[in-house]
Structures are given as C-alpha cells and as structure tokens.
Amino acid sequence: MISLYAVSNVIDLLQAEAKKAKVPSLTAGDTVKVHARVVEGNRERVQIFEGTVIGLRGSGTKESFTVRRIAHGVGVERSFLLHSPRIDRIDVVRHGKVRRAKLYYLRGKVGKSARIREKRQAGTAGAATADRPAITEETPETAES
C-alpha cells in the first residue's frame, strides 16, 4: 500500500519540475507584455498581449494572473497561467501604485479615469539607467604655464 505522504511527495516533485526558473514578480496594477505562443493550424507564432494586471490568484504551478486592456474601445481580459509552457516570456513595462489586490473596478472605467499611477523606485534618482547614462563630473585639468 502506498502511503499518502509518498503520493504528496511525488506531486510536489512534479510541481517543482513544472515551475519556471525565471518569473518576474507581478502585482496588481503592473503593466505587462505577455508573449504567448499561439497555434494556428500547423504554425506557431508569438502573440504579444499588453495590458494591466488586475488580479493574481492561486499558488505554485497553478498560479494565474488576469491582464486587461482596451482594444478598439472594448475592454478585453485574458487570464494566463504563470508557469505555462505556452508563455514565452513576461516583460514588466512598469509597476503600478495601487491599494487593492484585485482591480475589478477598472472594468467600469475607460479613458483617463482608468489610469494607474506609476510606482517610483526609492533611491534610484542618481543611479544610471539604460535610458539615461550616469553623469560623471570631470575635473578640468590645470594647464601649467
């Protein structure tokens, strides 16, 4: 007879194997680009879905997140499994500053009222970024005459 501990141990091993190694930290309010693989007939291509994360649910390999965007004046929501092999990669465009875990209230808002403030990183004001190189002060050399 197989013990319940052995069965749960096997399930834990399978779930740990199915998890992706590199997963960005997502929270509600983040603007993300999800690169999802789409199968059309016998072809496979990568489709980018960009929008705002309105909620996360689950844990482990069953963790999923919902992304919402406005396409041609119509709100479109799509749920993705975080560790799915169908997701090529997830790019976090910016982190949003929100006070709720689920942003379902965005469903009733369009235009400027649906905006979310961007979370500013503390202590990065003087740091160099990819967009803006660090400013280095050069001391003028004194010419000896």
Protein backbone atom coordinates (compact mmCIF):
# COMPACT_ATOMS: atom_id res chain seq x y z
CA MET A 1 0.00 0.00 0.00
CA ILE A 2 1.29 3.44 -0.94
CA SER A 3 1.25 6.00 1.83
CA LEU A 4 -0.34 9.41 1.39
CA TYR A 5 2.97 11.04 2.23
CA ALA A 6 4.67 9.31 -0.70
CA VAL A 7 1.92 10.39 -3.11
CA SER A 8 2.06 14.02 -1.98
CA ASN A 9 5.85 13.91 -2.21
CA VAL A 10 5.63 12.76 -5.84
CA ILE A 11 3.11 15.51 -6.62
CA ASP A 12 5.39 18.10 -5.02
CA LEU A 13 8.32 16.85 -7.12
CA LEU A 14 6.27 17.06 -10.33
CA GLN A 15 5.06 20.56 -9.49
CA ALA A 16 8.59 21.73 -8.67
CA GLU A 17 9.76 20.35 -12.02
CA ALA A 18 6.98 22.17 -13.91
CA LYS A 19 7.77 25.57 -12.37
CA LYS A 20 9.67 28.09 -14.45
CA ALA A 21 13.02 29.27 -13.12
CA LYS A 22 12.72 32.93 -14.13
CA VAL A 23 9.38 34.51 -13.34
CA PRO A 24 9.10 38.28 -12.77
CA SER A 25 7.45 39.49 -9.60
CA LEU A 26 3.96 40.58 -10.61
CA THR A 27 1.48 42.54 -8.55
CA ALA A 28 -1.89 44.07 -9.32
CA GLY A 29 -1.54 47.34 -11.21
CA ASP A 30 1.57 46.37 -13.17
CA THR A 31 1.60 46.99 -16.91
CA VAL A 32 2.97 43.89 -18.60
CA LYS A 33 3.69 42.50 -22.05
CA VAL A 34 2.87 38.79 -22.19
CA HIS A 35 4.50 36.95 -25.08
CA ALA A 36 2.18 33.98 -25.59
CA ARG A 37 2.64 31.20 -28.12
CA VAL A 38 -0.42 30.78 -30.31
CA VAL A 39 -1.01 27.73 -32.52
CA GLU A 40 -2.84 28.39 -35.78
CA GLY A 41 -3.25 25.25 -37.84
CA ASN A 42 0.21 23.79 -38.21
CA ARG A 43 2.01 27.09 -37.49
CA GLU A 44 3.05 28.51 -34.15
CA ARG A 45 3.72 32.19 -33.53
CA VAL A 46 4.25 34.52 -30.58
CA GLN A 47 1.46 37.00 -29.85
CA ILE A 48 2.05 39.94 -27.51
CA PHE A 49 -0.77 40.91 -25.15
CA GLU A 50 -0.05 44.19 -23.33
CA GLY A 51 -2.23 45.44 -20.51
CA THR A 52 -2.71 45.96 -16.79
CA VAL A 53 -2.64 43.10 -14.30
CA ILE A 54 -5.98 43.28 -12.48
CA GLY A 55 -5.51 40.27 -10.24
CA LEU A 56 -3.46 37.24 -9.30
CA ARG A 57 -4.78 34.00 -7.89
CA GLY A 58 -3.54 30.59 -6.87
CA SER A 59 -0.08 29.46 -5.84
CA GLY A 60 2.65 27.14 -7.03
CA THR A 61 2.23 25.80 -10.54
CA LYS A 62 -1.45 26.76 -10.58
CA GLU A 63 -0.77 30.48 -10.12
CA SER A 64 -2.54 32.62 -12.70
CA PHE A 65 -2.96 36.30 -13.45
CA THR A 66 -5.50 38.31 -15.42
CA VAL A 67 -4.47 41.08 -17.81
CA ARG A 68 -6.90 43.75 -19.05
CA ARG A 69 -6.56 46.14 -21.95
CA ILE A 70 -8.80 48.32 -24.08
CA ALA A 71 -8.80 47.26 -27.74
CA HIS A 72 -10.79 49.40 -30.19
CA GLY A 73 -12.92 50.82 -27.39
CA VAL A 74 -13.79 47.41 -25.95
CA GLY A 75 -12.31 46.02 -22.74
CA VAL A 76 -10.52 42.69 -23.26
CA GLU A 77 -9.39 40.47 -20.39
CA ARG A 78 -7.23 37.40 -20.69
CA SER A 79 -6.07 35.01 -17.99
CA PHE A 80 -2.67 33.34 -18.16
CA LEU A 81 -1.09 30.55 -16.14
CA LEU A 82 2.17 31.93 -14.78
CA HIS A 83 4.18 28.72 -15.27
CA SER A 84 2.56 27.63 -18.53
CA PRO A 85 4.82 26.41 -21.34
CA ARG A 86 2.61 28.46 -23.71
CA ILE A 87 4.02 31.69 -22.24
CA ASP A 88 7.30 32.61 -23.88
CA ARG A 89 8.15 35.47 -21.52
CA ILE A 90 6.61 38.25 -19.45
CA ASP A 91 8.01 41.78 -19.61
CA VAL A 92 7.05 44.20 -16.83
CA VAL A 93 6.75 47.60 -18.51
CA ARG A 94 6.05 49.49 -15.28
CA HIS A 95 4.91 48.88 -11.74
CA GLY A 96 1.63 50.46 -10.69
CA LYS A 97 0.85 52.05 -7.35
CA VAL A 98 -2.48 50.62 -6.16
CA ARG A 99 -4.10 49.90 -2.82
CA ARG A 100 -6.11 46.82 -3.74
CA ALA A 101 -5.24 43.24 -4.61
CA LYS A 102 -8.00 42.94 -7.23
CA LEU A 103 -8.64 45.82 -9.62
CA TYR A 104 -12.08 44.77 -10.83
CA TYR A 105 -13.28 48.37 -10.52
CA LEU A 106 -11.31 49.13 -13.73
CA ARG A 107 -13.99 47.26 -15.68
CA GLY A 108 -16.35 50.21 -15.23
CA LYS A 109 -13.80 52.85 -16.18
CA VAL A 110 -12.42 53.94 -19.55
CA GLY A 111 -10.04 56.66 -20.66
CA LYS A 112 -8.26 58.86 -18.14
CA SER A 113 -10.24 57.53 -15.18
CA ALA A 114 -8.75 54.08 -15.76
CA ARG A 115 -5.16 55.31 -15.29
CA ILE A 116 -2.92 53.91 -12.58
CA ARG A 117 -0.06 55.86 -11.07
CA GLU A 118 3.44 54.54 -11.59
CA LYS A 119 5.35 53.35 -8.57
CA ARG A 120 8.63 55.21 -8.30
CA GLN A 121 11.67 53.30 -7.08
CA ALA A 122 13.22 54.88 -3.99
CA GLY A 123 16.92 55.70 -4.13
CA THR A 124 17.32 55.43 -7.90
CA ALA A 125 17.28 59.16 -8.58
CA GLY A 126 21.04 59.36 -9.06
CA ALA A 127 21.54 55.89 -10.44
CA ALA A 128 22.21 55.26 -14.09
CA THR A 129 19.59 53.51 -16.17
CA ALA A 130 19.64 52.08 -19.66
CA ASP A 131 17.81 55.18 -20.95
CA ARG A 132 19.97 57.70 -19.12
CA PRO A 133 23.68 57.15 -18.50
CA ALA A 134 25.29 58.27 -15.27
CA ILE A 135 26.56 61.82 -15.16
CA THR A 136 30.19 61.93 -14.19
CA GLU A 137 31.84 65.11 -13.16
CA GLU A 138 35.14 65.73 -14.83
CA THR A 139 37.63 67.99 -13.20
CA PRO A 140 39.31 70.38 -15.60
CA GLU A 141 42.99 69.79 -15.89
CA THR A 142 45.05 72.77 -14.92
CA ALA A 143 47.49 73.81 -17.55
CA GLU A 144 50.90 74.58 -16.18
CA SER A 145 52.45 77.70 -17.67
